[in-house]
C-alpha atoms as a PDB file:
ATOM      1  CA  MET A   1     -43.761  70.423  -6.973  1.00  0.00           C
ATOM      2  CA  GLU A   2     -40.693  70.574  -4.757  1.00  0.00           C
ATOM      3  CA  ASP A   3     -38.157  71.111  -7.530  1.00  0.00           C
ATOM      4  CA  GLN A   4     -37.750  74.360  -9.410  1.00  0.00           C
ATOM      5  CA  CYS A   5     -38.184  74.195 -13.170  1.00  0.00           C
ATOM      6  CA  LEU A   6     -38.402  76.389 -16.248  1.00  0.00           C
ATOM      7  CA  LEU A   7     -41.402  76.146 -18.559  1.00  0.00           C
ATOM      8  CA  GLY A   8     -41.016  77.088 -22.189  1.00  0.00           C
ATOM      9  CA  LEU A   9     -43.572  79.007 -24.213  1.00  0.00           C
ATOM     10  CA  ASP A  10     -44.270  75.953 -26.380  1.00  0.00           C
ATOM     11  CA  TYR A  11     -45.287  73.947 -23.310  1.00  0.00           C
ATOM     12  CA  MET A  12     -47.535  76.678 -21.914  1.00  0.00           C
ATOM     13  CA  LEU A  13     -49.266  77.124 -25.271  1.00  0.00           C
ATOM     14  CA  SER A  14     -49.841  73.398 -25.737  1.00  0.00           C
ATOM     15  CA  MET A  15     -51.212  73.029 -22.197  1.00  0.00           C
ATOM     16  CA  GLY A  16     -53.353  76.173 -22.359  1.00  0.00           C
ATOM     17  CA  CYS A  17     -51.622  77.730 -19.357  1.00  0.00           C
ATOM     18  CA  GLU A  18     -52.798  80.988 -17.780  1.00  0.00           C
ATOM     19  CA  LEU A  19     -50.186  83.076 -15.971  1.00  0.00           C
ATOM     20  CA  ASN A  20     -51.508  85.623 -13.456  1.00  0.00           C
ATOM     21  CA  PHE A  21     -48.860  88.090 -12.301  1.00  0.00           C
ATOM     22  CA  CYS A  22     -51.212  89.704  -9.767  1.00  0.00           C
ATOM     23  CA  SER A  23     -51.694  86.503  -7.790  1.00  0.00           C
ATOM     24  CA  MET A  24     -48.406  84.937  -8.952  1.00  0.00           C
ATOM     25  CA  THR A  25     -50.163  81.747 -10.016  1.00  0.00           C
ATOM     26  CA  LEU A  26     -49.962  79.538 -13.074  1.00  0.00           C
ATOM     27  CA  LYS A  27     -53.134  77.698 -14.047  1.00  0.00           C
ATOM     28  CA  VAL A  28     -52.558  74.437 -15.899  1.00  0.00           C
ATOM     29  CA  ARG A  29     -55.671  72.576 -17.039  1.00  0.00           C
ATOM     30  CA  GLY A  30     -57.740  74.180 -14.328  1.00  0.00           C
ATOM     31  CA  LYS A  31     -55.224  73.609 -11.516  1.00  0.00           C
ATOM     32  CA  SER A  32     -53.379  76.589 -10.042  1.00  0.00           C
ATOM     33  CA  VAL A  33     -49.730  76.435  -9.064  1.00  0.00           C
ATOM     34  CA  LEU A  34     -47.930  79.138  -7.101  1.00  0.00           C
ATOM     35  CA  VAL A  35     -44.929  80.648  -8.874  1.00  0.00           C
ATOM     36  CA  THR A  36     -42.145  82.831  -7.524  1.00  0.00           C
ATOM     37  CA  ALA A  37     -40.178  85.592  -9.164  1.00  0.00           C
ATOM     38  CA  ALA A  38     -36.607  84.575  -9.861  1.00  0.00           C
ATOM     39  CA  ARG A  39     -33.855  86.778  -8.583  1.00  0.00           C
ATOM     40  CA  HIS A  40     -31.827  88.857 -10.979  1.00  0.00           C
ATOM     41  CA  THR A  41     -29.575  86.656 -13.082  1.00  0.00           C
ATOM     42  CA  ARG A  42     -26.089  87.936 -13.711  1.00  0.00           C
ATOM     43  CA  PHE A  43     -24.883  87.470 -17.220  1.00  0.00           C
ATOM     44  CA  GLY A  44     -21.572  85.799 -17.762  1.00  0.00           C
ATOM     45  CA  GLY A  45     -18.472  87.364 -19.171  1.00  0.00           C
ATOM     46  CA  GLU A  46     -16.890  86.456 -22.472  1.00  0.00           C
ATOM     47  CA  VAL A  47     -13.764  84.327 -22.186  1.00  0.00           C
ATOM     48  CA  ARG A  48     -11.072  85.035 -24.773  1.00  0.00           C
ATOM     49  CA  VAL A  49      -7.653  83.483 -25.292  1.00  0.00           C
ATOM     50  CA  LEU A  50      -4.678  85.572 -24.155  1.00  0.00           C
ATOM     51  CA  ARG A  51      -2.090  84.049 -26.468  1.00  0.00           C
ATOM     52  CA  THR A  52      -2.174  82.255 -29.812  1.00  0.00           C
ATOM     53  CA  THR A  53      -1.811  78.538 -29.121  1.00  0.00           C
ATOM     54  CA  VAL A  54      -1.566  75.442 -31.306  1.00  0.00           C
ATOM     55  CA  ILE A  55      -3.243  72.344 -29.856  1.00  0.00           C
ATOM     56  CA  PRO A  56      -1.734  69.050 -31.081  1.00  0.00           C
ATOM     57  CA  PRO A  57      -4.040  66.399 -32.584  1.00  0.00           C
ATOM     58  CA  ARG A  58      -6.132  64.430 -30.096  1.00  0.00           C
ATOM     59  CA  SER A  59      -4.855  66.474 -27.182  1.00  0.00           C
ATOM     60  CA  GLU A  60      -6.143  68.990 -24.696  1.00  0.00           C
ATOM     61  CA  LEU A  61      -4.487  72.042 -23.197  1.00  0.00           C
ATOM     62  CA  LEU A  62      -5.206  74.393 -20.334  1.00  0.00           C
ATOM     63  CA  LEU A  63      -5.280  77.814 -21.994  1.00  0.00           C
ATOM     64  CA  ARG A  64      -4.726  81.160 -20.326  1.00  0.00           C
ATOM     65  CA  CYS A  65      -7.791  83.298 -20.950  1.00  0.00           C
ATOM     66  CA  ARG A  66      -9.360  86.514 -19.732  1.00  0.00           C
ATOM     67  CA  ALA A  67     -12.996  87.213 -18.858  1.00  0.00           C
ATOM     68  CA  SER A  68     -14.628  90.425 -20.083  1.00  0.00           C
ATOM     69  CA  ARG A  69     -16.011  91.251 -16.641  1.00  0.00           C
ATOM     70  CA  SER A  70     -15.096  90.822 -12.992  1.00  0.00           C
ATOM     71  CA  PHE A  71     -17.036  88.761 -10.468  1.00  0.00           C
ATOM     72  CA  ASP A  72     -17.882  89.234  -6.806  1.00  0.00           C
ATOM     73  CA  SER A  73     -17.503  85.511  -6.206  1.00  0.00           C
ATOM     74  CA  ASN A  74     -14.181  83.661  -6.291  1.00  0.00           C
ATOM     75  CA  LEU A  75     -15.662  80.762  -8.251  1.00  0.00           C
ATOM     76  CA  GLY A  76     -17.001  80.623 -11.767  1.00  0.00           C
ATOM     77  CA  VAL A  77     -17.960  78.085 -14.421  1.00  0.00           C
ATOM     78  CA  VAL A  78     -16.594  78.370 -17.960  1.00  0.00           C
ATOM     79  CA  GLU A  79     -18.868  76.864 -20.603  1.00  0.00           C
ATOM     80  CA  PRO A  80     -18.754  76.742 -24.416  1.00  0.00           C
ATOM     81  CA  ASP A  81     -20.211  79.702 -26.315  1.00  0.00           C
ATOM     82  CA  VAL A  82     -22.307  79.029 -29.401  1.00  0.00           C
ATOM     83  CA  ARG A  83     -20.839  82.178 -30.946  1.00  0.00           C
ATOM     84  CA  SER A  84     -17.353  80.704 -30.894  1.00  0.00           C
ATOM     85  CA  LYS A  85     -15.760  80.414 -34.333  1.00  0.00           C
ATOM     86  CA  ALA A  86     -13.428  77.591 -33.355  1.00  0.00           C
ATOM     87  CA  ASN A  87     -12.695  75.042 -36.062  1.00  0.00           C
ATOM     88  CA  ALA A  88     -14.460  71.701 -36.201  1.00  0.00           C
ATOM     89  CA  GLY A  89     -12.871  69.279 -33.774  1.00  0.00           C
ATOM     90  CA  VAL A  90     -12.142  71.927 -31.136  1.00  0.00           C
ATOM     91  CA  MET A  91     -14.164  71.447 -27.967  1.00  0.00           C
ATOM     92  CA  VAL A  92     -14.280  73.661 -24.885  1.00  0.00           C
ATOM     93  CA  GLY A  93     -14.747  71.812 -21.609  1.00  0.00           C
ATOM     94  CA  ARG A  94     -16.971  72.952 -18.776  1.00  0.00           C
ATOM     95  CA  THR A  95     -14.503  74.026 -16.123  1.00  0.00           C
ATOM     96  CA  LEU A  96     -14.839  75.239 -12.530  1.00  0.00           C
ATOM     97  CA  VAL A  97     -12.326  78.077 -12.162  1.00  0.00           C
ATOM     98  CA  GLU A  98     -11.166  80.720  -9.715  1.00  0.00           C
ATOM     99  CA  THR A  99     -12.301  84.194 -10.765  1.00  0.00           C
ATOM    100  CA  SER A 100     -10.461  86.256  -8.161  1.00  0.00           C
ATOM    101  CA  GLY A 101      -7.699  87.214 -10.597  1.00  0.00           C
ATOM    102  CA  SER A 102      -7.778  88.781 -14.028  1.00  0.00           C
ATOM    103  CA  GLU A 103      -6.973  85.504 -15.803  1.00  0.00           C
ATOM    104  CA  VAL A 104      -9.327  82.552 -16.217  1.00  0.00           C
ATOM    105  CA  PRO A 105      -8.009  79.076 -17.165  1.00  0.00           C
ATOM    106  CA  ASP A 106      -9.987  77.018 -19.640  1.00  0.00           C
ATOM    107  CA  VAL A 107      -9.612  73.461 -20.923  1.00  0.00           C
ATOM    108  CA  VAL A 108      -9.757  73.182 -24.728  1.00  0.00           C
ATOM    109  CA  ALA A 109      -9.527  69.825 -26.526  1.00  0.00           C
ATOM    110  CA  ASN A 110      -8.614  69.027 -30.115  1.00  0.00           C
ATOM    111  CA  ILE A 111     -10.304  65.756 -31.112  1.00  0.00           C
ATOM    112  CA  SER A 112      -9.313  66.015 -34.768  1.00  0.00           C
ATOM    113  CA  ARG A 113      -6.311  64.469 -36.535  1.00  0.00           C
ATOM    114  CA  GLU A 114      -4.763  67.848 -37.403  1.00  0.00           C
ATOM    115  CA  PRO A 115      -3.208  70.584 -35.225  1.00  0.00           C
ATOM    116  CA  GLN A 116      -5.668  73.373 -34.439  1.00  0.00           C
ATOM    117  CA  LYS A 117      -4.714  77.005 -33.877  1.00  0.00           C
ATOM    118  CA  ILE A 118      -6.573  79.119 -31.309  1.00  0.00           C
ATOM    119  CA  LYS A 119      -5.769  82.754 -32.043  1.00  0.00           C
ATOM    120  CA  GLU A 120      -5.182  85.488 -29.498  1.00  0.00           C
ATOM    121  CA  GLY A 121      -8.444  87.213 -28.580  1.00  0.00           C
ATOM    122  CA  GLU A 122     -10.597  84.385 -29.955  1.00  0.00           C
ATOM    123  CA  LEU A 123     -13.852  83.783 -28.109  1.00  0.00           C
ATOM    124  CA  VAL A 124     -13.895  80.312 -26.569  1.00  0.00           C
ATOM    125  CA  GLY A 125     -16.591  80.444 -23.904  1.00  0.00           C
ATOM    126  CA  LEU A 126     -18.627  82.225 -21.267  1.00  0.00           C
ATOM    127  CA  CYS A 127     -17.818  82.462 -17.571  1.00  0.00           C
ATOM    128  CA  GLN A 128     -20.647  82.679 -15.062  1.00  0.00           C
ATOM    129  CA  GLU A 129     -20.435  83.286 -11.353  1.00  0.00           C
ATOM    130  CA  VAL A 130     -21.088  80.364  -9.018  1.00  0.00           C
ATOM    131  CA  ASP A 131     -23.328  80.814  -6.000  1.00  0.00           C
ATOM    132  CA  HIS A 132     -21.191  79.728  -3.022  1.00  0.00           C
ATOM    133  CA  GLU A 133     -24.185  78.577  -1.002  1.00  0.00           C
ATOM    134  CA  TRP A 134     -25.477  76.426  -3.844  1.00  0.00           C
ATOM    135  CA  TYR A 135     -21.982  75.148  -4.579  1.00  0.00           C
ATOM    136  CA  GLN A 136     -21.410  74.076  -0.997  1.00  0.00           C
ATOM    137  CA  TRP A 137     -24.733  72.433  -0.199  1.00  0.00           C
ATOM    138  CA  LYS A 138     -26.083  71.349  -3.578  1.00  0.00           C
ATOM    139  CA  ALA A 139     -22.866  70.106  -5.161  1.00  0.00           C
ATOM    140  CA  LEU A 140     -20.511  68.913  -2.433  1.00  0.00           C
ATOM    141  CA  SER A 141     -23.017  66.763  -0.571  1.00  0.00           C
ATOM    142  CA  PRO A 142     -24.037  64.608  -3.596  1.00  0.00           C
ATOM    143  CA  LEU A 143     -20.406  64.423  -4.651  1.00  0.00           C
ATOM    144  CA  ARG A 144     -19.406  63.132  -1.229  1.00  0.00           C
ATOM    145  CA  GLU A 145     -22.150  60.496  -1.372  1.00  0.00           C
ATOM    146  CA  LEU A 146     -21.031  59.461  -4.857  1.00  0.00           C
ATOM    147  CA  LEU A 147     -17.413  59.048  -3.746  1.00  0.00           C
ATOM    148  CA  VAL A 148     -18.448  56.975  -0.742  1.00  0.00           C
ATOM    149  CA  GLU A 149     -20.683  54.737  -2.864  1.00  0.00           C
ATOM    150  CA  PHE A 150     -17.933  54.014  -5.398  1.00  0.00           C
ATOM    151  CA  ALA A 151     -14.985  54.092  -2.989  1.00  0.00           C
ATOM    152  CA  ASP A 152     -13.774  50.725  -4.311  1.00  0.00           C
ATOM    153  CA  ASN A 153     -13.123  52.298  -7.720  1.00  0.00           C
ATOM    154  CA  PHE A 154     -10.409  54.606  -6.348  1.00  0.00           C
ATOM    155  CA  SER A 155      -6.913  53.506  -5.433  1.00  0.00           C
ATOM    156  CA  THR A 156      -5.389  54.541  -2.126  1.00  0.00           C
ATOM    157  CA  SER A 157      -1.836  53.479  -2.987  1.00  0.00           C
ATOM    158  CA  ASP A 158       0.329  52.728  -5.995  1.00  0.00           C
ATOM    159  CA  LEU A 159       0.129  49.005  -5.245  1.00  0.00           C
ATOM    160  CA  GLU A 160      -3.572  49.034  -6.172  1.00  0.00           C
ATOM    161  CA  LEU A 161      -2.850  50.250  -9.699  1.00  0.00           C
ATOM    162  CA  GLU A 162      -2.822  47.310 -12.069  1.00  0.00           C
ATOM    163  CA  CYS A 163      -2.793  46.696 -15.804  1.00  0.00           C
ATOM    164  CA  THR A 164      -5.983  46.378 -17.792  1.00  0.00           C
ATOM    165  CA  ASP A 165      -6.733  43.434 -20.056  1.00  0.00           C
ATOM    166  CA  MET A 166      -9.337  45.383 -22.033  1.00  0.00           C
ATOM    167  CA  VAL A 167      -6.748  46.936 -24.364  1.00  0.00           C
ATOM    168  CA  GLU A 168      -3.743  45.325 -26.025  1.00  0.00           C
ATOM    169  CA  LEU A 169      -0.804  47.263 -27.440  1.00  0.00           C
ATOM    170  CA  SER A 170       1.549  46.068 -30.144  1.00  0.00           C
ATOM    171  CA  ILE A 171       4.371  47.948 -31.838  1.00  0.00           C
ATOM    172  CA  ASP A 172       5.063  47.008 -35.440  1.00  0.00           C
ATOM    173  CA  THR A 173       8.838  47.251 -35.880  1.00  0.00           C
ATOM    174  CA  GLY A 174       8.793  45.772 -39.370  1.00  0.00           C
ATOM    175  CA  ASP A 175      12.219  44.658 -40.545  1.00  0.00           C
ATOM    176  CA  HIS A 176      14.049  47.170 -38.374  1.00  0.00           C
ATOM    177  CA  ARG A 177      17.168  45.891 -36.699  1.00  0.00           C
ATOM    178  CA  PRO A 178      16.733  45.512 -32.896  1.00  0.00           C
ATOM    179  CA  ILE A 179      18.172  48.330 -30.821  1.00  0.00           C
ATOM    180  CA  LYS A 180      20.217  47.409 -27.774  1.00  0.00           C
ATOM    181  CA  GLN A 181      21.460  50.142 -25.462  1.00  0.00           C
ATOM    182  CA  PRO A 182      24.329  49.412 -23.079  1.00  0.00           C
ATOM    183  CA  ALA A 183      23.686  49.435 -19.347  1.00  0.00           C
ATOM    184  CA  ARG A 184      24.791  52.483 -17.349  1.00  0.00           C
ATOM    185  CA  ARG A 185      26.811  52.246 -14.180  1.00  0.00           C
ATOM    186  CA  MET A 186      24.974  53.217 -10.996  1.00  0.00           C
ATOM    187  CA  ALA A 187      26.073  54.145  -7.516  1.00  0.00           C
ATOM    188  CA  PRO A 188      25.197  51.556  -4.837  1.00  0.00           C
ATOM    189  CA  ALA A 189      22.539  53.863  -3.365  1.00  0.00           C
ATOM    190  CA  GLN A 190      20.915  54.356  -6.765  1.00  0.00           C
ATOM    191  CA  ARG A 191      20.954  50.619  -7.426  1.00  0.00           C
ATOM    192  CA  GLN A 192      19.040  50.008  -4.193  1.00  0.00           C
ATOM    193  CA  GLU A 193      16.457  52.593  -5.216  1.00  0.00           C
ATOM    194  CA  MET A 194      16.176  51.051  -8.670  1.00  0.00           C
ATOM    195  CA  GLU A 195      15.641  47.552  -7.270  1.00  0.00           C
ATOM    196  CA  LYS A 196      12.946  48.879  -4.925  1.00  0.00           C
ATOM    197  CA  VAL A 197      11.113  50.621  -7.767  1.00  0.00           C
ATOM    198  CA  MET A 198      11.390  47.545 -10.006  1.00  0.00           C
ATOM    199  CA  GLU A 199      10.019  45.314  -7.264  1.00  0.00           C
ATOM    200  CA  ASN A 200       7.052  47.651  -6.739  1.00  0.00           C
ATOM    201  CA  LEU A 201       6.305  47.616 -10.462  1.00  0.00           C
ATOM    202  CA  ARG A 202       6.463  43.823 -10.510  1.00  0.00           C
ATOM    203  CA  SER A 203       4.105  43.673  -7.518  1.00  0.00           C
ATOM    204  CA  GLN A 204       1.642  45.886  -9.379  1.00  0.00           C
ATOM    205  CA  GLY A 205       1.814  43.665 -12.439  1.00  0.00           C
ATOM    206  CA  VAL A 206       3.031  46.562 -14.568  1.00  0.00           C
ATOM    207  CA  ILE A 207       6.263  44.839 -15.655  1.00  0.00           C
ATOM    208  CA  GLU A 208       7.488  41.262 -15.887  1.00  0.00           C
ATOM    209  CA  LYS A 209      10.756  39.519 -16.607  1.00  0.00           C
ATOM    210  CA  SER A 210      11.500  39.006 -20.276  1.00  0.00           C
ATOM    211  CA  SER A 211      14.235  38.104 -22.734  1.00  0.00           C
ATOM    212  CA  SER A 212      14.392  40.276 -25.840  1.00  0.00           C
ATOM    213  CA  PRO A 213      16.964  41.598 -28.323  1.00  0.00           C
ATOM    214  CA  TRP A 214      15.398  45.023 -27.726  1.00  0.00           C
ATOM    215  CA  THR A 215      16.891  46.454 -24.534  1.00  0.00           C
ATOM    216  CA  SER A 216      17.197  49.876 -22.975  1.00  0.00           C
ATOM    217  CA  ALA A 217      18.946  51.027 -19.834  1.00  0.00           C
ATOM    218  CA  VAL A 218      16.976  52.000 -16.737  1.00  0.00           C
ATOM    219  CA  VAL A 219      16.958  55.744 -16.040  1.00  0.00           C
ATOM    220  CA  LEU A 220      16.028  56.988 -12.564  1.00  0.00           C
ATOM    221  CA  VAL A 221      14.171  60.293 -12.422  1.00  0.00           C
ATOM    222  CA  ARG A 222      13.590  62.049  -9.115  1.00  0.00           C
ATOM    223  CA  LYS A 223      10.182  63.719  -8.864  1.00  0.00           C
ATOM    224  CA  LYS A 224       9.318  66.947  -7.055  1.00  0.00           C
ATOM    225  CA  ASP A 225       8.155  65.089  -3.954  1.00  0.00           C
ATOM    226  CA  GLY A 226      11.529  63.357  -3.677  1.00  0.00           C
ATOM    227  CA  SER A 227      10.353  59.944  -4.854  1.00  0.00           C
ATOM    228  CA  VAL A 228      11.953  58.116  -7.767  1.00  0.00           C
ATOM    229  CA  ARG A 229      10.371  56.772 -10.921  1.00  0.00           C
END
């Protein structure tokens, strides 16, 4: 076998295995297989929430947490802990985090219909150190190959982002009277920016011309990178 694996006691009993520590061999149905001693495994540290947080229904938040031990490596993986007493509907995501500081971020999702409270000091997961050598050669290489294989599924510009026809959205307004907001005056420079943004959205198929009693004024918001949305 070229791949490493773990054999459980149930398998070894059912197969009548014989493990010889002197020769470091495992005999399975008369055939001997060389085994190697695994290196010392470092146990992970408990990850507990630093501050009481309420997660809205069907939402996820990045919580500030603290691990119970420090790590030599700068990378760690946070995973759910079976000992966690989180309410039903609360799920802890497996997250690759930096462990150089005292705090460890962790993604926690609330898939229920009610708000869920995560109390300060509550156990949410375990953080284990990541082997840098394994991370670099065993993880990055397959990931790079995967991205290259499915390169067509990723957009390289905003113009490649289009609408999906797999989901339809409708808003039931009932008998409510239509709301019509008056247009706001814009400076000539802002109007040029607005027309450019509107044209880009039309090119993407995100918006289209319409005639409706429901109207709302366009509001330009400048993002951190200086662009306008």
